[in-house]
Amino acid sequence: MSEELDATGLLCPLPVLKARKRLMGLSSGAELHVRTDDPAAIVDMPHFCNEAGHTLVSSIADGDAMLWVIRKA
């Protein structure tokens, strides 16, 4: 199961806060695909995953945005 979250246009800490809220409603092992364009997300998203115990499956640059795949712990 996977869900998508478009966090473009949002600045720190909103992309992480919205990702955390969305992950709360998912089952363990589910994936959340997040799109961000906040430059701070390059530091914030990996840090959030590490602190919360989630797996950062991938992070891919897509033009001015980043696409993140997070697997819930």
PDB file of N, CA and C in Angstrom:
ATOM      1  N   MET A   1       0.849  -1.184   0.000  1.00  0.00           N
ATOM      2  CA  MET A   1       0.000   0.000   0.000  1.00  0.00           C
ATOM      3  C   MET A   1       0.889   1.240   0.000  1.00  0.00           C
ATOM      4  N   SER A   2       0.509   2.237  -0.787  1.00  0.00           N
ATOM      5  CA  SER A   2       1.256   3.491  -0.768  1.00  0.00           C
ATOM      6  C   SER A   2       0.297   4.660  -0.932  1.00  0.00           C
ATOM      7  N   GLU A   3       0.715   5.787  -0.393  1.00  0.00           N
ATOM      8  CA  GLU A   3      -0.059   7.022  -0.501  1.00  0.00           C
ATOM      9  C   GLU A   3       0.854   8.120  -0.989  1.00  0.00           C
ATOM     10  N   GLU A   4       0.259   9.184  -1.508  1.00  0.00           N
ATOM     11  CA  GLU A   4       1.032  10.313  -2.003  1.00  0.00           C
ATOM     12  C   GLU A   4       0.700  11.557  -1.207  1.00  0.00           C
ATOM     13  N   LEU A   5       1.730  12.393  -1.034  1.00  0.00           N
ATOM     14  CA  LEU A   5       1.584  13.668  -0.344  1.00  0.00           C
ATOM     15  C   LEU A   5       2.324  14.717  -1.152  1.00  0.00           C
ATOM     16  N   ASP A   6       1.605  15.705  -1.647  1.00  0.00           N
ATOM     17  CA  ASP A   6       2.225  16.817  -2.370  1.00  0.00           C
ATOM     18  C   ASP A   6       2.454  17.949  -1.373  1.00  0.00           C
ATOM     19  N   ALA A   7       3.721  18.131  -0.989  1.00  0.00           N
ATOM     20  CA  ALA A   7       4.074  19.175  -0.025  1.00  0.00           C
ATOM     21  C   ALA A   7       4.807  20.328  -0.708  1.00  0.00           C
ATOM     22  N   THR A   8       4.636  20.443  -2.032  1.00  0.00           N
ATOM     23  CA  THR A   8       5.274  21.558  -2.723  1.00  0.00           C
ATOM     24  C   THR A   8       4.626  22.865  -2.285  1.00  0.00           C
ATOM     25  N   GLY A   9       5.451  23.893  -2.208  1.00  0.00           N
ATOM     26  CA  GLY A   9       4.973  25.201  -1.774  1.00  0.00           C
ATOM     27  C   GLY A   9       4.996  25.382  -0.273  1.00  0.00           C
ATOM     28  N   LEU A  10       5.287  24.317   0.463  1.00  0.00           N
ATOM     29  CA  LEU A  10       5.334  24.387   1.925  1.00  0.00           C
ATOM     30  C   LEU A  10       6.777  24.502   2.394  1.00  0.00           C
ATOM     31  N   LEU A  11       6.994  25.332   3.402  1.00  0.00           N
ATOM     32  CA  LEU A  11       8.333  25.521   3.942  1.00  0.00           C
ATOM     33  C   LEU A  11       8.475  24.808   5.275  1.00  0.00           C
ATOM     34  N   CYS A  12       9.718  24.544   5.641  1.00  0.00           N
ATOM     35  CA  CYS A  12      10.077  23.898   6.906  1.00  0.00           C
ATOM     36  C   CYS A  12       9.344  24.583   8.063  1.00  0.00           C
ATOM     37  N   PRO A  13       8.749  23.819   8.933  1.00  0.00           N
ATOM     38  CA  PRO A  13       8.750  22.362   9.086  1.00  0.00           C
ATOM     39  C   PRO A  13       7.524  21.675   8.503  1.00  0.00           C
ATOM     40  N   LEU A  14       6.716  22.375   7.720  1.00  0.00           N
ATOM     41  CA  LEU A  14       5.438  21.814   7.275  1.00  0.00           C
ATOM     42  C   LEU A  14       5.538  20.518   6.473  1.00  0.00           C
ATOM     43  N   PRO A  15       6.490  20.354   5.537  1.00  0.00           N
ATOM     44  CA  PRO A  15       6.535  19.058   4.834  1.00  0.00           C
ATOM     45  C   PRO A  15       6.719  17.874   5.782  1.00  0.00           C
ATOM     46  N   VAL A  16       7.597  18.011   6.768  1.00  0.00           N
ATOM     47  CA  VAL A  16       7.822  16.925   7.724  1.00  0.00           C
ATOM     48  C   VAL A  16       6.590  16.721   8.602  1.00  0.00           C
ATOM     49  N   LEU A  17       5.985  17.801   9.063  1.00  0.00           N
ATOM     50  CA  LEU A  17       4.797  17.674   9.913  1.00  0.00           C
ATOM     51  C   LEU A  17       3.654  16.985   9.177  1.00  0.00           C
ATOM     52  N   LYS A  18       3.453  17.336   7.912  1.00  0.00           N
ATOM     53  CA  LYS A  18       2.381  16.715   7.134  1.00  0.00           C
ATOM     54  C   LYS A  18       2.704  15.252   6.844  1.00  0.00           C
ATOM     55  N   ALA A  19       3.981  14.950   6.592  1.00  0.00           N
ATOM     56  CA  ALA A  19       4.380  13.556   6.368  1.00  0.00           C
ATOM     57  C   ALA A  19       4.150  12.742   7.633  1.00  0.00           C
ATOM     58  N   ARG A  20       4.532  13.280   8.776  1.00  0.00           N
ATOM     59  CA  ARG A  20       4.342  12.570  10.045  1.00  0.00           C
ATOM     60  C   ARG A  20       2.863  12.278  10.277  1.00  0.00           C
ATOM     61  N   LYS A  21       2.021  13.274  10.040  1.00  0.00           N
ATOM     62  CA  LYS A  21       0.577  13.096  10.253  1.00  0.00           C
ATOM     63  C   LYS A  21       0.020  12.025   9.313  1.00  0.00           C
ATOM     64  N   ARG A  22       0.438  12.061   8.058  1.00  0.00           N
ATOM     65  CA  ARG A  22      -0.060  11.077   7.088  1.00  0.00           C
ATOM     66  C   ARG A  22       0.431   9.671   7.436  1.00  0.00           C
ATOM     67  N   LEU A  23       1.678   9.557   7.874  1.00  0.00           N
ATOM     68  CA  LEU A  23       2.225   8.249   8.243  1.00  0.00           C
ATOM     69  C   LEU A  23       1.504   7.651   9.441  1.00  0.00           C
ATOM     70  N   MET A  24       1.004   8.482  10.337  1.00  0.00           N
ATOM     71  CA  MET A  24       0.290   7.981  11.520  1.00  0.00           C
ATOM     72  C   MET A  24      -0.908   7.123  11.124  1.00  0.00           C
ATOM     73  N   GLY A  25      -1.536   7.450  10.012  1.00  0.00           N
ATOM     74  CA  GLY A  25      -2.719   6.717   9.579  1.00  0.00           C
ATOM     75  C   GLY A  25      -2.417   5.495   8.728  1.00  0.00           C
ATOM     76  N   LEU A  26      -1.136   5.227   8.463  1.00  0.00           N
ATOM     77  CA  LEU A  26      -0.769   4.091   7.625  1.00  0.00           C
ATOM     78  C   LEU A  26      -0.327   2.903   8.466  1.00  0.00           C
ATOM     79  N   SER A  27      -0.430   1.731   7.890  1.00  0.00           N
ATOM     80  CA  SER A  27       0.030   0.514   8.549  1.00  0.00           C
ATOM     81  C   SER A  27       1.536   0.402   8.430  1.00  0.00           C
ATOM     82  N   SER A  28       2.145  -0.334   9.346  1.00  0.00           N
ATOM     83  CA  SER A  28       3.574  -0.592   9.287  1.00  0.00           C
ATOM     84  C   SER A  28       3.914  -1.252   7.956  1.00  0.00           C
ATOM     85  N   GLY A  29       4.969  -0.756   7.314  1.00  0.00           N
ATOM     86  CA  GLY A  29       5.393  -1.291   6.018  1.00  0.00           C
ATOM     87  C   GLY A  29       4.817  -0.552   4.826  1.00  0.00           C
ATOM     88  N   ALA A  30       3.794   0.279   5.061  1.00  0.00           N
ATOM     89  CA  ALA A  30       3.205   1.066   3.972  1.00  0.00           C
ATOM     90  C   ALA A  30       4.184   2.159   3.554  1.00  0.00           C
ATOM     91  N   GLU A  31       4.074   2.588   2.305  1.00  0.00           N
ATOM     92  CA  GLU A  31       4.958   3.625   1.797  1.00  0.00           C
ATOM     93  C   GLU A  31       4.203   4.923   1.542  1.00  0.00           C
ATOM     94  N   LEU A  32       4.897   6.013   1.849  1.00  0.00           N
ATOM     95  CA  LEU A  32       4.381   7.348   1.582  1.00  0.00           C
ATOM     96  C   LEU A  32       5.316   8.005   0.582  1.00  0.00           C
ATOM     97  N   HIS A  33       4.752   8.472  -0.531  1.00  0.00           N
ATOM     98  CA  HIS A  33       5.508   9.168  -1.564  1.00  0.00           C
ATOM     99  C   HIS A  33       5.268  10.663  -1.374  1.00  0.00           C
ATOM    100  N   VAL A  34       6.327  11.389  -1.089  1.00  0.00           N
ATOM    101  CA  VAL A  34       6.217  12.812  -0.765  1.00  0.00           C
ATOM    102  C   VAL A  34       6.970  13.630  -1.805  1.00  0.00           C
ATOM    103  N   ARG A  35       6.344  14.685  -2.274  1.00  0.00           N
ATOM    104  CA  ARG A  35       6.976  15.618  -3.211  1.00  0.00           C
ATOM    105  C   ARG A  35       7.176  16.937  -2.481  1.00  0.00           C
ATOM    106  N   THR A  36       8.428  17.438  -2.451  1.00  0.00           N
ATOM    107  CA  THR A  36       8.741  18.701  -1.782  1.00  0.00           C
ATOM    108  C   THR A  36       9.546  19.600  -2.709  1.00  0.00           C
ATOM    109  N   ASP A  37       9.483  20.894  -2.443  1.00  0.00           N
ATOM    110  CA  ASP A  37      10.357  21.832  -3.155  1.00  0.00           C
ATOM    111  C   ASP A  37      11.054  22.789  -2.184  1.00  0.00           C
ATOM    112  N   ASP A  38      10.962  22.504  -0.905  1.00  0.00           N
ATOM    113  CA  ASP A  38      11.650  23.291   0.118  1.00  0.00           C
ATOM    114  C   ASP A  38      13.096  22.803   0.197  1.00  0.00           C
ATOM    115  N   PRO A  39      14.078  23.690  -0.014  1.00  0.00           N
ATOM    116  CA  PRO A  39      15.480  23.255   0.051  1.00  0.00           C
ATOM    117  C   PRO A  39      15.862  22.609   1.383  1.00  0.00           C
ATOM    118  N   ALA A  40      15.217  22.995   2.464  1.00  0.00           N
ATOM    119  CA  ALA A  40      15.532  22.431   3.777  1.00  0.00           C
ATOM    120  C   ALA A  40      15.117  20.959   3.886  1.00  0.00           C
ATOM    121  N   ALA A  41      14.244  20.502   3.017  1.00  0.00           N
ATOM    122  CA  ALA A  41      13.777  19.112   3.073  1.00  0.00           C
ATOM    123  C   ALA A  41      14.923  18.131   2.856  1.00  0.00           C
ATOM    124  N   ILE A  42      15.967  18.553   2.171  1.00  0.00           N
ATOM    125  CA  ILE A  42      17.118  17.680   1.918  1.00  0.00           C
ATOM    126  C   ILE A  42      17.750  17.244   3.239  1.00  0.00           C
ATOM    127  N   VAL A  43      17.684  18.088   4.246  1.00  0.00           N
ATOM    128  CA  VAL A  43      18.183  17.750   5.578  1.00  0.00           C
ATOM    129  C   VAL A  43      17.044  17.201   6.446  1.00  0.00           C
ATOM    130  N   ASP A  44      15.888  17.845   6.375  1.00  0.00           N
ATOM    131  CA  ASP A  44      14.776  17.519   7.271  1.00  0.00           C
ATOM    132  C   ASP A  44      14.191  16.125   7.090  1.00  0.00           C
ATOM    133  N   MET A  45      13.968  15.704   5.849  1.00  0.00           N
ATOM    134  CA  MET A  45      13.306  14.411   5.621  1.00  0.00           C
ATOM    135  C   MET A  45      14.171  13.235   6.092  1.00  0.00           C
ATOM    136  N   PRO A  46      15.452  13.164   5.726  1.00  0.00           N
ATOM    137  CA  PRO A  46      16.269  12.051   6.251  1.00  0.00           C
ATOM    138  C   PRO A  46      16.363  12.076   7.775  1.00  0.00           C
ATOM    139  N   HIS A  47      16.477  13.267   8.356  1.00  0.00           N
ATOM    140  CA  HIS A  47      16.561  13.385   9.812  1.00  0.00           C
ATOM    141  C   HIS A  47      15.270  12.883  10.461  1.00  0.00           C
ATOM    142  N   PHE A  48      14.137  13.285   9.915  1.00  0.00           N
ATOM    143  CA  PHE A  48      12.845  12.835  10.432  1.00  0.00           C
ATOM    144  C   PHE A  48      12.742  11.304  10.384  1.00  0.00           C
ATOM    145  N   CYS A  49      13.097  10.714   9.244  1.00  0.00           N
ATOM    146  CA  CYS A  49      13.007   9.259   9.107  1.00  0.00           C
ATOM    147  C   CYS A  49      13.911   8.565  10.119  1.00  0.00           C
ATOM    148  N   ASN A  50      15.119   9.067  10.266  1.00  0.00           N
ATOM    149  CA  ASN A  50      16.073   8.479  11.206  1.00  0.00           C
ATOM    150  C   ASN A  50      15.553   8.562  12.641  1.00  0.00           C
ATOM    151  N   GLU A  51      15.041   9.721  13.018  1.00  0.00           N
ATOM    152  CA  GLU A  51      14.550   9.918  14.386  1.00  0.00           C
ATOM    153  C   GLU A  51      13.294   9.097  14.674  1.00  0.00           C
ATOM    154  N   ALA A  52      12.415   8.969  13.680  1.00  0.00           N
ATOM    155  CA  ALA A  52      11.138   8.272  13.886  1.00  0.00           C
ATOM    156  C   ALA A  52      11.249   6.767  13.637  1.00  0.00           C
ATOM    157  N   GLY A  53      12.370   6.308  13.067  1.00  0.00           N
ATOM    158  CA  GLY A  53      12.546   4.894  12.810  1.00  0.00           C
ATOM    159  C   GLY A  53      11.999   4.416  11.479  1.00  0.00           C
ATOM    160  N   HIS A  54      11.549   5.349  10.634  1.00  0.00           N
ATOM    161  CA  HIS A  54      11.044   4.986   9.313  1.00  0.00           C
ATOM    162  C   HIS A  54      12.224   4.780   8.362  1.00  0.00           C
ATOM    163  N   THR A  55      11.992   4.065   7.268  1.00  0.00           N
ATOM    164  CA  THR A  55      13.021   3.824   6.273  1.00  0.00           C
ATOM    165  C   THR A  55      12.861   4.800   5.121  1.00  0.00           C
ATOM    166  N   LEU A  56      13.916   5.534   4.817  1.00  0.00           N
ATOM    167  CA  LEU A  56      13.918   6.391   3.637  1.00  0.00           C
ATOM    168  C   LEU A  56      14.350   5.506   2.473  1.00  0.00           C
ATOM    169  N   VAL A  57      13.375   5.078   1.685  1.00  0.00           N
ATOM    170  CA  VAL A  57      13.615   4.139   0.596  1.00  0.00           C
ATOM    171  C   VAL A  57      14.372   4.819  -0.535  1.00  0.00           C
ATOM    172  N   SER A  58      13.959   6.044  -0.889  1.00  0.00           N
ATOM    173  CA  SER A  58      14.642   6.759  -1.962  1.00  0.00           C
ATOM    174  C   SER A  58      14.377   8.255  -1.863  1.00  0.00           C
ATOM    175  N   SER A  59      15.280   8.994  -2.471  1.00  0.00           N
ATOM    176  CA  SER A  59      15.111  10.443  -2.628  1.00  0.00           C
ATOM    177  C   SER A  59      15.674  10.786  -3.997  1.00  0.00           C
ATOM    178  N   ILE A  60      14.811  11.327  -4.846  1.00  0.00           N
ATOM    179  CA  ILE A  60      15.171  11.571  -6.236  1.00  0.00           C
ATOM    180  C   ILE A  60      14.860  13.017  -6.593  1.00  0.00           C
ATOM    181  N   ALA A  61      15.854  13.691  -7.192  1.00  0.00           N
ATOM    182  CA  ALA A  61      15.628  15.056  -7.674  1.00  0.00           C
ATOM    183  C   ALA A  61      14.764  14.992  -8.926  1.00  0.00           C
ATOM    184  N   ASP A  62      13.769  15.880  -8.978  1.00  0.00           N
ATOM    185  CA  ASP A  62      12.868  15.963 -10.127  1.00  0.00           C
ATOM    186  C   ASP A  62      12.697  17.432 -10.460  1.00  0.00           C
ATOM    187  N   GLY A  63      13.621  17.972 -11.243  1.00  0.00           N
ATOM    188  CA  GLY A  63      13.602  19.401 -11.535  1.00  0.00           C
ATOM    189  C   GLY A  63      13.883  20.185 -10.270  1.00  0.00           C
ATOM    190  N   ASP A  64      12.980  21.083  -9.910  1.00  0.00           N
ATOM    191  CA  ASP A  64      13.134  21.887  -8.700  1.00  0.00           C
ATOM    192  C   ASP A  64      12.585  21.183  -7.457  1.00  0.00           C
ATOM    193  N   ALA A  65      12.058  19.990  -7.630  1.00  0.00           N
ATOM    194  CA  ALA A  65      11.440  19.259  -6.516  1.00  0.00           C
ATOM    195  C   ALA A  65      12.255  18.020  -6.165  1.00  0.00           C
ATOM    196  N   MET A  66      11.919  17.461  -5.008  1.00  0.00           N
ATOM    197  CA  MET A  66      12.472  16.182  -4.565  1.00  0.00           C
ATOM    198  C   MET A  66      11.309  15.219  -4.365  1.00  0.00           C
ATOM    199  N   LEU A  67      11.522  13.984  -4.770  1.00  0.00           N
ATOM    200  CA  LEU A  67      10.530  12.934  -4.543  1.00  0.00           C
ATOM    201  C   LEU A  67      11.107  11.980  -3.504  1.00  0.00           C
ATOM    202  N   TRP A  68      10.387  11.783  -2.430  1.00  0.00           N
ATOM    203  CA  TRP A  68      10.819  10.956  -1.311  1.00  0.00           C
ATOM    204  C   TRP A  68       9.889   9.755  -1.191  1.00  0.00           C
ATOM    205  N   VAL A  69      10.457   8.601  -0.911  1.00  0.00           N
ATOM    206  CA  VAL A  69       9.643   7.417  -0.601  1.00  0.00           C
ATOM    207  C   VAL A  69      10.043   6.985   0.799  1.00  0.00           C
ATOM    208  N   ILE A  70       9.061   6.996   1.696  1.00  0.00           N
ATOM    209  CA  ILE A  70       9.280   6.657   3.106  1.00  0.00           C
ATOM    210  C   ILE A  70       8.449   5.410   3.425  1.00  0.00           C
ATOM    211  N   ARG A  71       9.103   4.407   4.014  1.00  0.00           N
ATOM    212  CA  ARG A  71       8.394   3.212   4.468  1.00  0.00           C
ATOM    213  C   ARG A  71       8.196   3.303   5.968  1.00  0.00           C
ATOM    214  N   LYS A  72       6.944   3.200   6.362  1.00  0.00           N
ATOM    215  CA  LYS A  72       6.617   3.338   7.788  1.00  0.00           C
ATOM    216  C   LYS A  72       7.180   2.183   8.603  1.00  0.00           C
ATOM    217  N   ALA A  73       7.719   2.533   9.758  1.00  0.00           N
ATOM    218  CA  ALA A  73       8.271   1.528  10.674  1.00  0.00           C
ATOM    219  C   ALA A  73       7.175   0.651  11.232  1.00  0.00           C
TER     220      ALA A  73
END
